[in-house]
Amino acid sequence: MNEPRTNQTTQQRQDRSAGQLEQTATTTTERPLDETATGTPPEQTAGQQAAGEQTAGASAAGEQRPGPITPTEETATAEQALAEMRDRWQRAQAEVENTRKRYERQRADDWRAERARVASEWLPVVDNLERALSHADADPQSVARGVEAIREQALDVLHRLGFTRLDEVGVPFDPSRHEAVRAVPAPDAVPGTVVEVIRPGYAAADILLRPAAVAVAGKQE
């Protein structure tokens, strides 16, 4: 009678052991691999732990909002340099404007002085013309000699001002110095040469005051 009870007790112990093993397997399966509740897993290396700590620190720093920007010593130095450059630019601009005004005043003064010098050169010519007119009733030969002297005086004034007379005949026609009024037949002249000066011209080294009006020899048929 005791053998069946013994078998029943043994079977109950086996069932309890199987249940405990099944519960242990289920608990192990559901537990996450990176569980940190009981500390760092034994297989985690020191480098991995340091990398994790850096990642956590970076995440914490990223969550912090930057504070308001305050002027620093570098910013103050840059602003001071900018102010100095602005002051230099304003001074340079004022100097350029003053130079321009001085140049314009100097140019106007030079123009007035040159105009006065030219007018003063012609005053003796005007005086002699008036003197000749006052003797218009005198001997015609004397009047002619006076007019000739005034002409020479006027040419001398032009020469002192730097202008020479363009009244040469027999020279090739030059468009930069001559103005062709007409073409005339001239068997003894080379075609295209000046054969007559109708109105003399005047020129300086760098300016043509007036071109000479000339007659040019035409082509011979």
N, C-alpha and C. Protein backbone atom coordinates (compact mmCIF):
# COMPACT_ATOMS: atom_id res chain seq x y z
N MET A 1 0.82 -1.21 0.00
CA MET A 1 0.00 0.00 0.00
C MET A 1 0.84 1.25 0.00
N ASN A 2 2.03 1.24 0.53
CA ASN A 2 2.92 2.42 0.57
C ASN A 2 3.60 2.69 -0.75
N GLU A 3 3.70 1.78 -1.66
CA GLU A 3 4.44 1.98 -2.94
C GLU A 3 3.73 2.96 -3.84
N PRO A 4 2.45 2.93 -3.98
CA PRO A 4 1.79 3.93 -4.84
C PRO A 4 1.96 5.34 -4.32
N ARG A 5 1.92 5.53 -2.97
CA ARG A 5 2.09 6.90 -2.41
C ARG A 5 3.49 7.38 -2.69
N THR A 6 4.46 6.52 -2.64
CA THR A 6 5.85 6.93 -2.90
C THR A 6 6.00 7.36 -4.34
N ASN A 7 5.41 6.65 -5.22
CA ASN A 7 5.49 7.01 -6.65
C ASN A 7 4.81 8.35 -6.92
N GLN A 8 3.71 8.56 -6.21
CA GLN A 8 2.99 9.85 -6.38
C GLN A 8 3.82 10.99 -5.89
N THR A 9 4.52 10.86 -4.81
CA THR A 9 5.37 11.94 -4.27
C THR A 9 6.51 12.23 -5.20
N THR A 10 7.11 11.20 -5.73
CA THR A 10 8.24 11.39 -6.66
C THR A 10 7.79 12.12 -7.91
N GLN A 11 6.59 11.79 -8.40
CA GLN A 11 6.07 12.45 -9.61
C GLN A 11 5.81 13.92 -9.36
N GLN A 12 5.33 14.25 -8.16
CA GLN A 12 5.07 15.66 -7.83
C GLN A 12 6.37 16.44 -7.77
N ARG A 13 7.42 15.86 -7.23
CA ARG A 13 8.72 16.55 -7.17
C ARG A 13 9.26 16.80 -8.59
N GLN A 14 9.11 15.81 -9.44
CA GLN A 14 9.58 15.99 -10.83
C GLN A 14 8.81 17.10 -11.55
N ASP A 15 7.49 17.16 -11.29
CA ASP A 15 6.68 18.21 -11.93
C ASP A 15 7.12 19.59 -11.45
N ARG A 16 7.39 19.71 -10.08
CA ARG A 16 7.83 21.02 -9.58
C ARG A 16 9.18 21.43 -10.16
N SER A 17 10.07 20.49 -10.33
CA SER A 17 11.39 20.80 -10.91
C SER A 17 11.27 21.24 -12.37
N ALA A 18 10.40 20.57 -13.11
CA ALA A 18 10.20 20.96 -14.52
C ALA A 18 9.61 22.35 -14.62
N GLY A 19 8.68 22.69 -13.71
CA GLY A 19 8.08 24.04 -13.72
C GLY A 19 9.08 25.11 -13.41
N GLN A 20 9.96 24.83 -12.44
CA GLN A 20 10.99 25.82 -12.10
C GLN A 20 11.94 26.03 -13.26
N LEU A 21 12.35 24.95 -13.95
CA LEU A 21 13.24 25.09 -15.10
C LEU A 21 12.58 25.91 -16.21
N GLU A 22 11.31 25.66 -16.44
CA GLU A 22 10.59 26.41 -17.49
C GLU A 22 10.49 27.89 -17.16
N GLN A 23 10.23 28.17 -15.85
CA GLN A 23 10.14 29.60 -15.43
C GLN A 23 11.47 30.27 -15.57
N THR A 24 12.56 29.56 -15.23
CA THR A 24 13.90 30.15 -15.36
C THR A 24 14.24 30.43 -16.81
N ALA A 25 13.90 29.57 -17.71
CA ALA A 25 14.18 29.78 -19.15
C ALA A 25 13.38 30.96 -19.67
N THR A 26 12.14 31.11 -19.25
CA THR A 26 11.30 32.22 -19.72
C THR A 26 11.84 33.56 -19.25
N THR A 27 12.28 33.59 -17.98
CA THR A 27 12.83 34.83 -17.42
C THR A 27 14.10 35.24 -18.14
N THR A 28 14.94 34.25 -18.45
CA THR A 28 16.20 34.54 -19.16
C THR A 28 15.95 35.04 -20.56
N THR A 29 14.93 34.52 -21.23
CA THR A 29 14.61 34.93 -22.61
C THR A 29 14.08 36.35 -22.64
N GLU A 30 13.23 36.75 -21.68
CA GLU A 30 12.61 38.07 -21.68
C GLU A 30 13.55 39.15 -21.21
N ARG A 31 14.65 38.86 -20.51
CA ARG A 31 15.56 39.87 -19.97
C ARG A 31 16.37 40.48 -21.12
N PRO A 32 16.45 41.85 -21.30
CA PRO A 32 17.23 42.48 -22.39
C PRO A 32 18.70 42.23 -22.23
N LEU A 33 19.39 42.20 -23.39
CA LEU A 33 20.82 41.89 -23.39
C LEU A 33 21.64 43.00 -22.79
N ASP A 34 21.17 44.27 -22.91
CA ASP A 34 21.96 45.41 -22.41
C ASP A 34 21.47 45.87 -21.06
N GLU A 35 20.95 44.94 -20.29
CA GLU A 35 20.42 45.29 -18.97
C GLU A 35 21.51 45.90 -18.12
N THR A 36 21.22 47.07 -17.54
CA THR A 36 22.21 47.78 -16.73
C THR A 36 21.77 47.93 -15.29
N ALA A 37 20.64 47.24 -14.94
CA ALA A 37 20.14 47.39 -13.58
C ALA A 37 21.11 46.80 -12.58
N THR A 38 21.82 45.77 -13.00
CA THR A 38 22.73 45.13 -12.07
C THR A 38 24.17 45.48 -12.36
N GLY A 39 24.42 46.62 -13.24
CA GLY A 39 25.81 47.01 -13.54
C GLY A 39 26.15 46.69 -14.97
N THR A 40 27.38 46.94 -15.33
CA THR A 40 27.86 46.70 -16.69
C THR A 40 28.05 45.21 -16.91
N PRO A 41 27.56 44.70 -18.06
CA PRO A 41 27.73 43.26 -18.31
C PRO A 41 29.20 42.92 -18.35
N PRO A 42 29.57 41.74 -18.01
CA PRO A 42 30.99 41.36 -17.95
C PRO A 42 31.65 41.46 -19.31
N GLU A 43 30.90 41.20 -20.43
CA GLU A 43 31.56 41.19 -21.74
C GLU A 43 31.81 42.59 -22.28
N GLN A 44 31.30 43.70 -21.69
CA GLN A 44 31.51 45.06 -22.19
C GLN A 44 32.92 45.51 -21.85
N THR A 45 33.66 46.04 -22.88
CA THR A 45 35.04 46.46 -22.69
C THR A 45 35.09 47.86 -22.14
N ALA A 46 36.31 48.26 -21.72
CA ALA A 46 36.49 49.61 -21.16
C ALA A 46 36.30 50.67 -22.23
N GLY A 47 36.75 50.42 -23.49
CA GLY A 47 36.57 51.41 -24.58
C GLY A 47 35.11 51.63 -24.89
N GLN A 48 34.32 50.54 -24.92
CA GLN A 48 32.89 50.68 -25.19
C GLN A 48 32.21 51.47 -24.08
N GLN A 49 32.65 51.24 -22.83
CA GLN A 49 32.06 51.98 -21.71
C GLN A 49 32.39 53.46 -21.81
N ALA A 50 33.64 53.80 -22.21
CA ALA A 50 34.02 55.22 -22.37
C ALA A 50 33.24 55.87 -23.49
N ALA A 51 33.06 55.12 -24.62
CA ALA A 51 32.30 55.67 -25.73
C ALA A 51 30.87 55.93 -25.32
N GLY A 52 30.31 55.06 -24.54
CA GLY A 52 28.96 55.27 -24.07
C GLY A 52 28.84 56.49 -23.19
N GLU A 53 29.85 56.68 -22.31
CA GLU A 53 29.82 57.85 -21.45
C GLU A 53 29.93 59.13 -22.27
N GLN A 54 30.79 59.15 -23.34
CA GLN A 54 30.91 60.34 -24.19
C GLN A 54 29.61 60.64 -24.92
N THR A 55 28.96 59.57 -25.43
CA THR A 55 27.67 59.75 -26.12
C THR A 55 26.63 60.33 -25.19
N ALA A 56 26.61 59.84 -23.97
CA ALA A 56 25.64 60.36 -23.00
C ALA A 56 25.94 61.81 -22.68
N GLY A 57 27.26 62.15 -22.54
CA GLY A 57 27.61 63.55 -22.26
C GLY A 57 27.24 64.46 -23.40
N ALA A 58 27.46 63.98 -24.67
CA ALA A 58 27.11 64.81 -25.83
C ALA A 58 25.62 65.03 -25.89
N SER A 59 24.84 63.97 -25.57
CA SER A 59 23.39 64.13 -25.60
C SER A 59 22.94 65.14 -24.57
N ALA A 60 23.58 65.09 -23.39
CA ALA A 60 23.21 66.04 -22.34
C ALA A 60 23.58 67.46 -22.73
N ALA A 61 24.75 67.62 -23.39
CA ALA A 61 25.17 68.96 -23.81
C ALA A 61 24.27 69.48 -24.91
N GLY A 62 23.84 68.58 -25.82
CA GLY A 62 22.96 69.02 -26.90
C GLY A 62 21.62 69.49 -26.40
N GLU A 63 21.16 68.91 -25.28
CA GLU A 63 19.87 69.32 -24.75
C GLU A 63 19.93 70.69 -24.08
N GLN A 64 21.16 71.18 -23.72
CA GLN A 64 21.27 72.48 -23.08
C GLN A 64 21.17 73.60 -24.12
N ARG A 65 20.42 74.61 -23.90
CA ARG A 65 20.24 75.74 -24.81
C ARG A 65 21.38 76.74 -24.61
N PRO A 66 21.95 77.28 -25.75
CA PRO A 66 23.03 78.28 -25.61
C PRO A 66 22.52 79.56 -24.96
N GLY A 67 23.37 80.14 -24.16
CA GLY A 67 22.99 81.37 -23.49
C GLY A 67 23.08 82.57 -24.42
N PRO A 68 22.67 83.75 -24.01
CA PRO A 68 22.75 84.96 -24.85
C PRO A 68 24.20 85.34 -25.15
N ILE A 69 24.44 85.84 -26.41
CA ILE A 69 25.78 86.24 -26.85
C ILE A 69 26.14 87.56 -26.18
N THR A 70 27.27 87.61 -25.55
CA THR A 70 27.72 88.82 -24.87
C THR A 70 28.97 89.34 -25.57
N PRO A 71 29.19 90.68 -25.62
CA PRO A 71 30.39 91.24 -26.27
C PRO A 71 31.64 90.71 -25.59
N THR A 72 32.57 90.27 -26.39
CA THR A 72 33.84 89.78 -25.89
C THR A 72 34.93 90.78 -26.23
N GLU A 73 36.11 90.49 -25.73
CA GLU A 73 37.25 91.38 -26.00
C GLU A 73 37.58 91.38 -27.49
N GLU A 74 37.44 90.24 -28.14
CA GLU A 74 37.71 90.17 -29.58
C GLU A 74 36.71 91.02 -30.37
N THR A 75 35.44 90.96 -29.98
CA THR A 75 34.42 91.77 -30.65
C THR A 75 34.69 93.25 -30.46
N ALA A 76 35.07 93.64 -29.27
CA ALA A 76 35.37 95.05 -29.01
C ALA A 76 36.55 95.52 -29.85
N THR A 77 37.58 94.68 -29.99
CA THR A 77 38.73 95.04 -30.82
C THR A 77 38.34 95.21 -32.28
N ALA A 78 37.48 94.31 -32.78
CA ALA A 78 37.02 94.42 -34.17
C ALA A 78 36.21 95.69 -34.38
N GLU A 79 35.36 96.03 -33.44
CA GLU A 79 34.58 97.26 -33.57
C GLU A 79 35.47 98.50 -33.54
N GLN A 80 36.51 98.47 -32.71
CA GLN A 80 37.44 99.59 -32.67
C GLN A 80 38.19 99.73 -33.99
N ALA A 81 38.64 98.59 -34.57
CA ALA A 81 39.32 98.64 -35.87
C ALA A 81 38.39 99.14 -36.96
N LEU A 82 37.12 98.73 -36.92
CA LEU A 82 36.15 99.21 -37.90
C LEU A 82 35.94 100.71 -37.78
N ALA A 83 35.87 101.21 -36.56
CA ALA A 83 35.70 102.65 -36.35
C ALA A 83 36.91 103.42 -36.88
N GLU A 84 38.11 102.88 -36.66
CA GLU A 84 39.31 103.55 -37.17
C GLU A 84 39.33 103.56 -38.69
N MET A 85 38.94 102.46 -39.34
CA MET A 85 38.89 102.42 -40.80
C MET A 85 37.85 103.40 -41.34
N ARG A 86 36.70 103.49 -40.66
CA ARG A 86 35.67 104.43 -41.10
C ARG A 86 36.18 105.88 -40.99
N ASP A 87 36.90 106.16 -39.91
CA ASP A 87 37.44 107.51 -39.73
C ASP A 87 38.49 107.82 -40.80
N ARG A 88 39.34 106.85 -41.12
CA ARG A 88 40.34 107.07 -42.18
C ARG A 88 39.67 107.30 -43.53
N TRP A 89 38.62 106.53 -43.82
CA TRP A 89 37.92 106.69 -45.09
C TRP A 89 37.28 108.07 -45.19
N GLN A 90 36.67 108.53 -44.12
CA GLN A 90 36.06 109.85 -44.13
C GLN A 90 37.11 110.95 -44.30
N ARG A 91 38.26 110.79 -43.64
CA ARG A 91 39.34 111.77 -43.80
C ARG A 91 39.87 111.78 -45.24
N ALA A 92 40.04 110.56 -45.83
CA ALA A 92 40.52 110.48 -47.21
C ALA A 92 39.52 111.10 -48.18
N GLN A 93 38.24 110.87 -47.95
CA GLN A 93 37.21 111.45 -48.80
C GLN A 93 37.22 112.97 -48.70
N ALA A 94 37.37 113.49 -47.50
CA ALA A 94 37.44 114.94 -47.33
C ALA A 94 38.68 115.52 -48.01
N GLU A 95 39.80 114.80 -47.92
CA GLU A 95 41.03 115.28 -48.56
C GLU A 95 40.89 115.30 -50.08
N VAL A 96 40.25 114.28 -50.64
CA VAL A 96 40.03 114.25 -52.09
C VAL A 96 39.15 115.42 -52.52
N GLU A 97 38.11 115.69 -51.76
CA GLU A 97 37.22 116.79 -52.09
C GLU A 97 37.95 118.12 -51.99
N ASN A 98 38.77 118.29 -50.97
CA ASN A 98 39.55 119.53 -50.84
C ASN A 98 40.54 119.68 -51.98
N THR A 99 41.17 118.57 -52.39
CA THR A 99 42.12 118.62 -53.51
C THR A 99 41.41 119.01 -54.80
N ARG A 100 40.22 118.46 -55.02
CA ARG A 100 39.47 118.81 -56.22
C ARG A 100 39.12 120.30 -56.24
N LYS A 101 38.70 120.82 -55.10
CA LYS A 101 38.35 122.24 -55.04
C LYS A 101 39.58 123.12 -55.26
N ARG A 102 40.72 122.71 -54.67
CA ARG A 102 41.94 123.48 -54.88
C ARG A 102 42.36 123.46 -56.34
N TYR A 103 42.21 122.29 -56.99
CA TYR A 103 42.56 122.19 -58.42
C TYR A 103 41.67 123.08 -59.27
N GLU A 104 40.37 123.08 -58.98
CA GLU A 104 39.46 123.92 -59.75
C GLU A 104 39.78 125.40 -59.56
N ARG A 105 40.10 125.79 -58.32
CA ARG A 105 40.46 127.19 -58.09
C ARG A 105 41.76 127.55 -58.80
N GLN A 106 42.74 126.63 -58.75
CA GLN A 106 44.01 126.88 -59.40
C GLN A 106 43.83 126.95 -60.91
N ARG A 107 43.00 126.09 -61.45
CA ARG A 107 42.75 126.10 -62.89
C ARG A 107 42.08 127.41 -63.32
N ALA A 108 41.11 127.84 -62.54
CA ALA A 108 40.45 129.11 -62.87
C ALA A 108 41.42 130.28 -62.76
N ASP A 109 42.28 130.25 -61.75
CA ASP A 109 43.27 131.33 -61.61
C ASP A 109 44.25 131.32 -62.78
N ASP A 110 44.70 130.13 -63.19
CA ASP A 110 45.63 130.05 -64.33
C ASP A 110 44.96 130.55 -65.61
N TRP A 111 43.70 130.20 -65.81
CA TRP A 111 43.00 130.64 -67.02
C TRP A 111 42.86 132.17 -67.04
N ARG A 112 42.52 132.75 -65.89
CA ARG A 112 42.40 134.21 -65.83
C ARG A 112 43.75 134.88 -66.06
N ALA A 113 44.81 134.31 -65.49
CA ALA A 113 46.14 134.89 -65.67
C ALA A 113 46.59 134.80 -67.12
N GLU A 114 46.32 133.66 -67.77
CA GLU A 114 46.72 133.51 -69.18
C GLU A 114 45.91 134.45 -70.08
N ARG A 115 44.65 134.59 -69.80
CA ARG A 115 43.83 135.51 -70.60
C ARG A 115 44.33 136.94 -70.45
N ALA A 116 44.69 137.32 -69.24
CA ALA A 116 45.22 138.67 -69.02
C ALA A 116 46.56 138.85 -69.73
N ARG A 117 47.40 137.81 -69.76
CA ARG A 117 48.70 137.92 -70.43
C ARG A 117 48.53 138.10 -71.93
N VAL A 118 47.61 137.34 -72.54
CA VAL A 118 47.38 137.47 -73.98
C VAL A 118 46.83 138.85 -74.31
N ALA A 119 45.88 139.31 -73.50
CA ALA A 119 45.31 140.64 -73.76
C ALA A 119 46.37 141.72 -73.64
N SER A 120 47.27 141.59 -72.65
CA SER A 120 48.33 142.59 -72.49
C SER A 120 49.29 142.59 -73.67
N GLU A 121 49.47 141.43 -74.31
CA GLU A 121 50.34 141.36 -75.49
C GLU A 121 49.74 142.13 -76.67
N TRP A 122 48.42 142.18 -76.74
CA TRP A 122 47.76 142.84 -77.87
C TRP A 122 47.52 144.33 -77.63
N LEU A 123 47.70 144.79 -76.44
CA LEU A 123 47.44 146.21 -76.16
C LEU A 123 48.31 147.15 -77.00
N PRO A 124 49.62 146.89 -77.18
CA PRO A 124 50.41 147.79 -78.04
C PRO A 124 49.90 147.82 -79.48
N VAL A 125 49.41 146.69 -79.97
CA VAL A 125 48.87 146.65 -81.34
C VAL A 125 47.65 147.56 -81.44
N VAL A 126 46.78 147.48 -80.45
CA VAL A 126 45.59 148.34 -80.45
C VAL A 126 45.99 149.81 -80.38
N ASP A 127 46.98 150.10 -79.55
CA ASP A 127 47.45 151.49 -79.43
C ASP A 127 47.96 152.02 -80.77
N ASN A 128 48.73 151.21 -81.49
CA ASN A 128 49.27 151.65 -82.78
C ASN A 128 48.17 151.80 -83.83
N LEU A 129 47.17 150.94 -83.79
CA LEU A 129 46.05 151.10 -84.71
C LEU A 129 45.32 152.41 -84.46
N GLU A 130 45.07 152.73 -83.22
CA GLU A 130 44.40 153.99 -82.91
C GLU A 130 45.26 155.19 -83.33
N ARG A 131 46.54 155.05 -83.15
CA ARG A 131 47.45 156.13 -83.54
C ARG A 131 47.44 156.31 -85.07
N ALA A 132 47.40 155.19 -85.79
CA ALA A 132 47.36 155.28 -87.26
C ALA A 132 46.05 155.90 -87.73
N LEU A 133 44.95 155.58 -87.10
CA LEU A 133 43.67 156.16 -87.48
C LEU A 133 43.64 157.66 -87.21
N SER A 134 44.32 158.08 -86.16
CA SER A 134 44.35 159.52 -85.87
C SER A 134 45.12 160.32 -86.93
N HIS A 135 45.96 159.63 -87.73
CA HIS A 135 46.71 160.29 -88.81
C HIS A 135 46.20 159.84 -90.18
N ALA A 136 44.93 159.57 -90.27
CA ALA A 136 44.39 159.10 -91.55
C ALA A 136 44.47 160.15 -92.63
N ASP A 137 44.47 161.43 -92.27
CA ASP A 137 44.53 162.50 -93.26
C ASP A 137 45.96 162.83 -93.66
N ALA A 138 46.93 162.09 -93.11
CA ALA A 138 48.34 162.39 -93.42
C ALA A 138 48.70 161.77 -94.77
N ASP A 139 49.97 161.80 -95.09
CA ASP A 139 50.47 161.26 -96.35
C ASP A 139 50.11 159.78 -96.45
N PRO A 140 49.50 159.33 -97.54
CA PRO A 140 49.15 157.92 -97.68
C PRO A 140 50.34 156.99 -97.53
N GLN A 141 51.49 157.41 -97.96
CA GLN A 141 52.67 156.57 -97.80
C GLN A 141 53.01 156.36 -96.32
N SER A 142 52.84 157.41 -95.54
CA SER A 142 53.11 157.30 -94.10
C SER A 142 52.11 156.36 -93.44
N VAL A 143 50.83 156.45 -93.86
CA VAL A 143 49.80 155.56 -93.30
C VAL A 143 50.11 154.11 -93.66
N ALA A 144 50.53 153.88 -94.91
CA ALA A 144 50.85 152.51 -95.33
C ALA A 144 52.03 151.95 -94.54
N ARG A 145 53.05 152.78 -94.31
CA ARG A 145 54.18 152.30 -93.52
C ARG A 145 53.77 152.03 -92.07
N GLY A 146 52.86 152.84 -91.53
CA GLY A 146 52.38 152.61 -90.17
C GLY A 146 51.59 151.31 -90.06
N VAL A 147 50.74 151.05 -91.07
CA VAL A 147 49.96 149.80 -91.05
C VAL A 147 50.88 148.59 -91.18
N GLU A 148 51.91 148.72 -92.00
CA GLU A 148 52.86 147.62 -92.15
C GLU A 148 53.58 147.35 -90.83
N ALA A 149 53.93 148.39 -90.11
CA ALA A 149 54.60 148.21 -88.81
C ALA A 149 53.65 147.55 -87.80
N ILE A 150 52.38 147.91 -87.85
CA ILE A 150 51.40 147.30 -86.94
C ILE A 150 51.24 145.82 -87.26
N ARG A 151 51.23 145.50 -88.55
CA ARG A 151 51.12 144.09 -88.97
C ARG A 151 52.29 143.27 -88.42
N GLU A 152 53.50 143.80 -88.58
CA GLU A 152 54.66 143.09 -88.06
C GLU A 152 54.60 142.96 -86.55
N GLN A 153 54.07 143.95 -85.91
CA GLN A 153 53.94 143.89 -84.45
C GLN A 153 52.94 142.80 -84.05
N ALA A 154 51.84 142.67 -84.78
CA ALA A 154 50.84 141.64 -84.48
C ALA A 154 51.41 140.24 -84.70
N LEU A 155 52.19 140.08 -85.78
CA LEU A 155 52.81 138.78 -86.02
C LEU A 155 53.81 138.43 -84.91
N ASP A 156 54.50 139.44 -84.41
CA ASP A 156 55.43 139.19 -83.31
C ASP A 156 54.69 138.76 -82.05
N VAL A 157 53.52 139.34 -81.82
CA VAL A 157 52.73 138.92 -80.66
C VAL A 157 52.33 137.46 -80.78
N LEU A 158 51.88 137.05 -81.97
CA LEU A 158 51.51 135.65 -82.17
C LEU A 158 52.71 134.73 -81.99
N HIS A 159 53.87 135.19 -82.45
CA HIS A 159 55.07 134.37 -82.30
C HIS A 159 55.43 134.21 -80.82
N ARG A 160 55.31 135.25 -80.03
CA ARG A 160 55.61 135.15 -78.61
C ARG A 160 54.61 134.25 -77.88
N LEU A 161 53.41 134.17 -78.41
CA LEU A 161 52.40 133.28 -77.83
C LEU A 161 52.59 131.83 -78.27
N GLY A 162 53.55 131.58 -79.16
CA GLY A 162 53.86 130.21 -79.58
C GLY A 162 53.24 129.79 -80.89
N PHE A 163 52.66 130.73 -81.66
CA PHE A 163 52.00 130.39 -82.92
C PHE A 163 52.84 130.89 -84.10
N THR A 164 52.94 130.03 -85.12
CA THR A 164 53.65 130.39 -86.35
C THR A 164 52.65 130.55 -87.49
N ARG A 165 53.06 131.31 -88.50
CA ARG A 165 52.18 131.61 -89.63
C ARG A 165 52.30 130.51 -90.68
N LEU A 166 51.18 130.03 -91.18
CA LEU A 166 51.14 129.01 -92.22
C LEU A 166 50.79 129.69 -93.54
N ASP A 167 51.80 130.03 -94.34
CA ASP A 167 51.56 130.74 -95.61
C ASP A 167 52.55 130.29 -96.68
N GLU A 168 53.02 129.05 -96.59
CA GLU A 168 53.99 128.55 -97.55
C GLU A 168 53.29 128.10 -98.83
N VAL A 169 53.95 128.31 -99.94
CA VAL A 169 53.47 127.91 -101.27
C VAL A 169 54.44 126.88 -101.83
N GLY A 170 53.90 125.92 -102.59
CA GLY A 170 54.73 124.88 -103.18
C GLY A 170 54.93 123.67 -102.29
N VAL A 171 54.29 123.62 -101.15
CA VAL A 171 54.40 122.48 -100.25
C VAL A 171 53.24 121.52 -100.50
N PRO A 172 53.40 120.25 -100.22
CA PRO A 172 52.27 119.32 -100.41
C PRO A 172 51.09 119.70 -99.52
N PHE A 173 49.91 119.43 -100.04
CA PHE A 173 48.71 119.72 -99.27
C PHE A 173 48.65 118.81 -98.05
N ASP A 174 48.43 119.39 -96.86
CA ASP A 174 48.37 118.65 -95.58
C ASP A 174 47.00 118.91 -94.95
N PRO A 175 46.13 117.88 -94.90
CA PRO A 175 44.79 118.11 -94.32
C PRO A 175 44.81 118.57 -92.87
N SER A 176 45.88 118.26 -92.15
CA SER A 176 45.96 118.67 -90.75
C SER A 176 46.37 120.12 -90.58
N ARG A 177 46.83 120.78 -91.67
CA ARG A 177 47.27 122.18 -91.60
C ARG A 177 46.61 123.07 -92.65
N HIS A 178 46.05 122.46 -93.70
CA HIS A 178 45.48 123.23 -94.80
C HIS A 178 43.99 122.93 -94.97
N GLU A 179 43.33 123.90 -95.55
CA GLU A 179 41.92 123.76 -95.95
C GLU A 179 41.83 124.11 -97.43
N ALA A 180 41.53 123.10 -98.26
CA ALA A 180 41.48 123.31 -99.71
C ALA A 180 40.21 124.06 -100.08
N VAL A 181 40.41 125.25 -100.63
CA VAL A 181 39.27 126.07 -101.04
C VAL A 181 38.87 125.76 -102.48
N ARG A 182 39.87 125.58 -103.32
CA ARG A 182 39.60 125.26 -104.71
C ARG A 182 40.82 124.57 -105.30
N ALA A 183 40.56 123.90 -106.42
CA ALA A 183 41.63 123.27 -107.19
C ALA A 183 41.78 124.05 -108.50
N VAL A 184 42.99 124.37 -108.84
CA VAL A 184 43.27 125.19 -110.03
C VAL A 184 44.24 124.45 -110.93
N PRO A 185 44.13 124.65 -112.24
CA PRO A 185 45.11 124.04 -113.15
C PRO A 185 46.46 124.75 -113.00
N ALA A 186 47.51 124.00 -112.82
CA ALA A 186 48.86 124.55 -112.67
C ALA A 186 49.83 123.61 -113.37
N PRO A 187 50.11 123.88 -114.67
CA PRO A 187 50.99 122.97 -115.42
C PRO A 187 52.39 122.88 -114.83
N ASP A 188 52.86 123.93 -114.19
CA ASP A 188 54.22 123.92 -113.66
C ASP A 188 54.31 123.36 -112.24
N ALA A 189 53.19 123.00 -111.62
CA ALA A 189 53.18 122.50 -110.23
C ALA A 189 52.80 121.03 -110.20
N VAL A 190 53.30 120.37 -109.22
CA VAL A 190 52.94 118.97 -109.01
C VAL A 190 51.51 118.90 -108.49
N PRO A 191 50.68 118.02 -109.05
CA PRO A 191 49.31 117.92 -108.56
C PRO A 191 49.27 117.62 -107.06
N GLY A 192 48.39 118.34 -106.36
CA GLY A 192 48.25 118.14 -104.93
C GLY A 192 49.12 119.04 -104.09
N THR A 193 49.80 120.01 -104.73
CA THR A 193 50.61 120.96 -103.97
C THR A 193 49.88 122.29 -103.85
N VAL A 194 50.27 123.07 -102.85
CA VAL A 194 49.67 124.37 -102.60
C VAL A 194 50.27 125.37 -103.59
N VAL A 195 49.41 126.03 -104.35
CA VAL A 195 49.88 127.01 -105.34
C VAL A 195 49.51 128.44 -104.93
N GLU A 196 48.58 128.58 -103.97
CA GLU A 196 48.17 129.92 -103.54
C GLU A 196 47.61 129.84 -102.12
N VAL A 197 47.99 130.84 -101.30
CA VAL A 197 47.47 130.94 -99.95
C VAL A 197 46.44 132.06 -99.93
N ILE A 198 45.18 131.70 -99.75
CA ILE A 198 44.11 132.69 -99.77
C ILE A 198 43.96 133.34 -98.39
N ARG A 199 44.12 132.57 -97.36
CA ARG A 199 44.07 133.08 -95.99
C ARG A 199 45.08 132.31 -95.16
N PRO A 200 46.05 132.97 -94.57
CA PRO A 200 47.08 132.26 -93.82
C PRO A 200 46.49 131.62 -92.55
N GLY A 201 47.15 130.56 -92.13
CA GLY A 201 46.74 129.90 -90.91
C GLY A 201 47.80 130.07 -89.82
N TYR A 202 47.46 129.65 -88.61
CA TYR A 202 48.38 129.78 -87.48
C TYR A 202 48.28 128.50 -86.65
N ALA A 203 49.43 128.00 -86.25
CA ALA A 203 49.47 126.75 -85.48
C ALA A 203 50.64 126.77 -84.52
N ALA A 204 50.49 126.03 -83.45
CA ALA A 204 51.56 125.81 -82.48
C ALA A 204 51.99 124.35 -82.58
N ALA A 205 52.88 123.97 -81.70
CA ALA A 205 53.39 122.60 -81.76
C ALA A 205 52.32 121.58 -81.43
N ASP A 206 51.36 121.93 -80.59
CA ASP A 206 50.35 120.97 -80.14
C ASP A 206 48.92 121.40 -80.42
N ILE A 207 48.73 122.49 -81.19
CA ILE A 207 47.37 122.95 -81.46
C ILE A 207 47.34 123.70 -82.78
N LEU A 208 46.24 123.53 -83.50
CA LEU A 208 46.01 124.26 -84.75
C LEU A 208 45.03 125.39 -84.45
N LEU A 209 45.55 126.61 -84.44
CA LEU A 209 44.68 127.75 -84.16
C LEU A 209 43.71 127.99 -85.30
N ARG A 210 44.22 127.91 -86.54
CA ARG A 210 43.37 128.06 -87.71
C ARG A 210 44.09 127.47 -88.91
N PRO A 211 43.42 126.62 -89.72
CA PRO A 211 44.10 126.09 -90.90
C PRO A 211 44.23 127.15 -91.99
N ALA A 212 45.21 126.98 -92.84
CA ALA A 212 45.41 127.91 -93.95
C ALA A 212 44.46 127.53 -95.09
N ALA A 213 43.73 128.53 -95.58
CA ALA A 213 42.87 128.31 -96.73
C ALA A 213 43.72 128.46 -98.01
N VAL A 214 43.80 127.40 -98.80
CA VAL A 214 44.72 127.36 -99.93
C VAL A 214 44.03 126.88 -101.19
N ALA A 215 44.69 127.20 -102.34
CA ALA A 215 44.31 126.63 -103.63
C ALA A 215 45.33 125.55 -103.99
N VAL A 216 44.82 124.42 -104.46
CA VAL A 216 45.66 123.27 -104.71
C VAL A 216 45.71 123.00 -106.20
N ALA A 217 46.89 122.59 -106.67
CA ALA A 217 47.04 122.25 -108.08
C ALA A 217 46.27 120.98 -108.40
N GLY A 218 45.45 121.06 -109.45
CA GLY A 218 44.66 119.90 -109.84
C GLY A 218 45.45 118.95 -110.73
N LYS A 219 44.83 117.79 -111.00
CA LYS A 219 45.46 116.80 -111.85
C LYS A 219 45.41 117.27 -113.30
N GLN A 220 46.51 117.05 -114.01
CA GLN A 220 46.60 117.44 -115.41
C GLN A 220 46.00 116.34 -116.27
N GLU A 221 45.21 116.76 -117.23
CA GLU A 221 44.56 115.77 -118.14
C GLU A 221 45.50 115.42 -119.27
